N, C-alpha and C. Protein backbone atom coordinates (compact mmCIF):
# COMPACT_ATOMS: atom_id res chain seq x y z
N MET A 1 94.54 91.13 115.00
CA MET A 1 94.56 92.51 115.47
C MET A 1 94.53 93.44 114.25
N PRO A 2 93.62 94.44 114.22
CA PRO A 2 93.53 95.33 113.08
C PRO A 2 94.74 96.24 112.97
N LYS A 3 95.06 96.57 111.71
CA LYS A 3 96.17 97.49 111.46
C LYS A 3 95.80 98.86 112.01
N SER A 4 96.75 99.53 112.67
CA SER A 4 96.46 100.86 113.17
C SER A 4 96.36 101.83 111.99
N LYS A 5 95.53 102.82 112.12
CA LYS A 5 95.30 103.78 111.06
C LYS A 5 96.39 104.85 111.11
N SER A 6 96.81 105.31 109.94
CA SER A 6 97.84 106.34 109.86
C SER A 6 97.28 107.58 109.16
N VAL A 7 98.04 108.67 109.21
CA VAL A 7 97.64 109.90 108.53
C VAL A 7 97.44 109.65 107.04
N ALA A 8 98.23 108.78 106.44
CA ALA A 8 98.11 108.47 105.01
C ALA A 8 96.76 107.84 104.68
N ASP A 9 96.08 107.26 105.66
CA ASP A 9 94.78 106.61 105.45
C ASP A 9 93.60 107.58 105.56
N MET A 10 93.87 108.82 105.94
CA MET A 10 92.80 109.79 106.15
C MET A 10 92.26 110.31 104.83
N ALA A 11 91.02 110.81 104.88
CA ALA A 11 90.38 111.41 103.72
C ALA A 11 90.48 112.93 103.82
N PRO A 12 90.43 113.64 102.70
CA PRO A 12 90.48 115.10 102.75
C PRO A 12 89.39 115.67 103.66
N GLY A 13 89.78 116.60 104.53
CA GLY A 13 88.86 117.22 105.47
C GLY A 13 88.74 116.49 106.80
N GLU A 14 89.24 115.28 106.88
CA GLU A 14 89.15 114.48 108.10
C GLU A 14 90.14 114.98 109.15
N THR A 15 89.74 114.93 110.42
CA THR A 15 90.65 115.26 111.51
C THR A 15 90.80 114.05 112.43
N ALA A 16 91.93 113.99 113.10
CA ALA A 16 92.22 112.90 114.02
C ALA A 16 93.26 113.38 115.03
N VAL A 17 93.48 112.56 116.04
CA VAL A 17 94.48 112.87 117.07
C VAL A 17 95.68 111.94 116.86
N ILE A 18 96.86 112.53 116.88
CA ILE A 18 98.09 111.73 116.72
C ILE A 18 98.29 110.89 117.97
N SER A 19 98.49 109.58 117.77
CA SER A 19 98.71 108.69 118.91
C SER A 19 100.17 108.28 119.06
N GLY A 20 100.95 108.36 117.98
CA GLY A 20 102.35 107.97 118.07
C GLY A 20 102.95 107.79 116.69
N PHE A 21 104.07 107.07 116.66
CA PHE A 21 104.82 106.88 115.42
C PHE A 21 105.26 105.43 115.31
N SER A 22 105.37 104.95 114.08
CA SER A 22 105.80 103.57 113.87
C SER A 22 107.26 103.47 113.45
N ASP A 23 107.93 104.60 113.25
CA ASP A 23 109.33 104.60 112.84
C ASP A 23 110.10 105.59 113.71
N ASP A 24 111.03 105.09 114.51
CA ASP A 24 111.77 105.93 115.45
C ASP A 24 112.64 106.98 114.77
N GLU A 25 113.25 106.65 113.64
CA GLU A 25 114.13 107.61 112.96
C GLU A 25 113.35 108.77 112.37
N ILE A 26 112.27 108.48 111.67
CA ILE A 26 111.47 109.54 111.06
C ILE A 26 110.73 110.34 112.12
N SER A 27 110.39 109.71 113.24
CA SER A 27 109.62 110.40 114.28
C SER A 27 110.36 111.61 114.83
N VAL A 28 111.68 111.58 114.87
CA VAL A 28 112.45 112.73 115.37
C VAL A 28 112.17 113.96 114.50
N LYS A 29 112.22 113.78 113.19
CA LYS A 29 111.94 114.88 112.25
C LYS A 29 110.50 115.38 112.43
N LEU A 30 109.56 114.45 112.54
CA LEU A 30 108.16 114.82 112.67
C LEU A 30 107.88 115.54 113.98
N LEU A 31 108.49 115.10 115.06
CA LEU A 31 108.34 115.78 116.35
C LEU A 31 108.87 117.21 116.27
N GLU A 32 110.00 117.39 115.60
CA GLU A 32 110.56 118.74 115.43
C GLU A 32 109.65 119.64 114.61
N MET A 33 108.84 119.04 113.74
CA MET A 33 107.90 119.80 112.92
C MET A 33 106.60 120.13 113.67
N GLY A 34 106.47 119.65 114.91
CA GLY A 34 105.29 119.94 115.72
C GLY A 34 104.23 118.86 115.72
N LEU A 35 104.52 117.71 115.15
CA LEU A 35 103.58 116.60 115.13
C LEU A 35 103.74 115.79 116.42
N LEU A 36 103.13 116.27 117.47
CA LEU A 36 103.26 115.68 118.80
C LEU A 36 102.08 114.78 119.11
N PRO A 37 102.31 113.67 119.82
CA PRO A 37 101.18 112.84 120.25
C PRO A 37 100.18 113.67 121.05
N GLY A 38 98.91 113.46 120.77
CA GLY A 38 97.84 114.21 121.43
C GLY A 38 97.40 115.44 120.66
N THR A 39 98.12 115.78 119.61
CA THR A 39 97.80 116.95 118.79
C THR A 39 96.80 116.57 117.69
N VAL A 40 95.87 117.46 117.42
CA VAL A 40 94.90 117.23 116.35
C VAL A 40 95.56 117.53 115.01
N VAL A 41 95.36 116.62 114.06
CA VAL A 41 95.89 116.79 112.70
C VAL A 41 94.71 116.76 111.74
N ARG A 42 94.76 117.63 110.73
CA ARG A 42 93.72 117.68 109.70
C ARG A 42 94.36 117.33 108.36
N PHE A 43 93.75 116.40 107.65
CA PHE A 43 94.24 116.03 106.32
C PHE A 43 93.60 116.98 105.31
N ASN A 44 94.40 117.74 104.59
CA ASN A 44 93.88 118.73 103.65
C ASN A 44 93.68 118.15 102.26
N PHE A 45 94.76 117.66 101.64
CA PHE A 45 94.63 117.11 100.29
C PHE A 45 95.88 116.32 99.92
N THR A 46 95.74 115.54 98.85
CA THR A 46 96.85 114.79 98.26
C THR A 46 97.21 115.46 96.95
N ALA A 47 98.49 115.51 96.63
CA ALA A 47 98.93 116.06 95.35
C ALA A 47 98.35 115.24 94.20
N PRO A 48 98.26 115.81 93.00
CA PRO A 48 97.62 115.10 91.88
C PRO A 48 98.18 113.70 91.59
N LEU A 49 99.45 113.47 91.80
CA LEU A 49 100.01 112.14 91.54
C LEU A 49 100.06 111.27 92.80
N GLY A 50 99.44 111.75 93.91
CA GLY A 50 99.34 110.94 95.11
C GLY A 50 100.42 111.15 96.15
N ASP A 51 101.41 111.94 95.85
CA ASP A 51 102.52 112.18 96.79
C ASP A 51 103.13 113.52 96.45
N PRO A 52 103.25 114.46 97.37
CA PRO A 52 103.05 114.40 98.81
C PRO A 52 101.60 114.68 99.21
N VAL A 53 101.40 114.75 100.53
CA VAL A 53 100.10 115.11 101.09
C VAL A 53 100.27 116.39 101.89
N CYS A 54 99.18 117.13 102.04
CA CYS A 54 99.20 118.37 102.84
C CYS A 54 98.33 118.15 104.07
N ILE A 55 98.90 118.44 105.24
CA ILE A 55 98.17 118.33 106.50
C ILE A 55 98.28 119.65 107.25
N SER A 56 97.40 119.86 108.21
CA SER A 56 97.47 121.01 109.10
C SER A 56 97.60 120.52 110.52
N VAL A 57 98.51 121.14 111.27
CA VAL A 57 98.69 120.83 112.68
C VAL A 57 99.14 122.10 113.39
N SER A 58 98.49 122.42 114.49
CA SER A 58 98.81 123.61 115.29
C SER A 58 98.86 124.88 114.46
N GLY A 59 97.94 125.02 113.51
CA GLY A 59 97.86 126.23 112.70
C GLY A 59 98.84 126.29 111.55
N LEU A 60 99.62 125.25 111.33
CA LEU A 60 100.59 125.21 110.24
C LEU A 60 100.16 124.20 109.19
N ASP A 61 100.38 124.54 107.92
CA ASP A 61 100.17 123.59 106.83
C ASP A 61 101.52 122.96 106.50
N LEU A 62 101.56 121.63 106.48
CA LEU A 62 102.80 120.90 106.24
C LEU A 62 102.63 119.96 105.06
N SER A 63 103.69 119.78 104.31
CA SER A 63 103.71 118.83 103.21
C SER A 63 104.57 117.65 103.63
N LEU A 64 104.01 116.45 103.52
CA LEU A 64 104.72 115.23 103.91
C LEU A 64 104.70 114.22 102.78
N ARG A 65 105.77 113.45 102.68
CA ARG A 65 105.77 112.32 101.76
C ARG A 65 104.80 111.27 102.31
N ILE A 66 104.24 110.47 101.43
CA ILE A 66 103.34 109.39 101.86
C ILE A 66 104.06 108.47 102.83
N SER A 67 105.33 108.18 102.57
CA SER A 67 106.09 107.29 103.45
C SER A 67 106.20 107.87 104.86
N GLU A 68 106.28 109.19 104.98
CA GLU A 68 106.31 109.83 106.30
C GLU A 68 104.92 109.79 106.95
N ALA A 69 103.89 110.09 106.16
CA ALA A 69 102.52 110.09 106.68
C ALA A 69 102.12 108.70 107.17
N ASN A 70 102.64 107.66 106.54
CA ASN A 70 102.35 106.28 106.95
C ASN A 70 102.89 105.96 108.33
N THR A 71 103.88 106.69 108.80
CA THR A 71 104.49 106.40 110.11
C THR A 71 103.78 107.09 111.26
N ILE A 72 102.82 107.99 110.96
CA ILE A 72 102.10 108.73 112.01
C ILE A 72 100.81 107.98 112.31
N THR A 73 100.73 107.35 113.47
CA THR A 73 99.53 106.62 113.85
C THR A 73 98.54 107.58 114.49
N ILE A 74 97.25 107.32 114.26
CA ILE A 74 96.19 108.20 114.75
C ILE A 74 95.13 107.42 115.49
N LEU A 75 94.38 108.14 116.31
CA LEU A 75 93.21 107.59 116.99
C LEU A 75 91.98 107.93 116.17
N ASN A 76 91.08 106.99 116.03
CA ASN A 76 89.85 107.24 115.25
C ASN A 76 88.85 107.97 116.11
């Protein structure tokens, strides 16, 4: 079975739909930030050293650690 794709796997400018989360504890924080399943997320850029990443969701730009972005599963 192929590994599910996460926000951390996206390329700059790519958009996808959030399908869920792989970590229950971190998902609470992400849900409070507006990262809801079914919402379109856009990957903006990665910081020069690779962490954090900047994404856009519901008109907001958010900065996430790579470890957090890895827990957000997406639909291709």
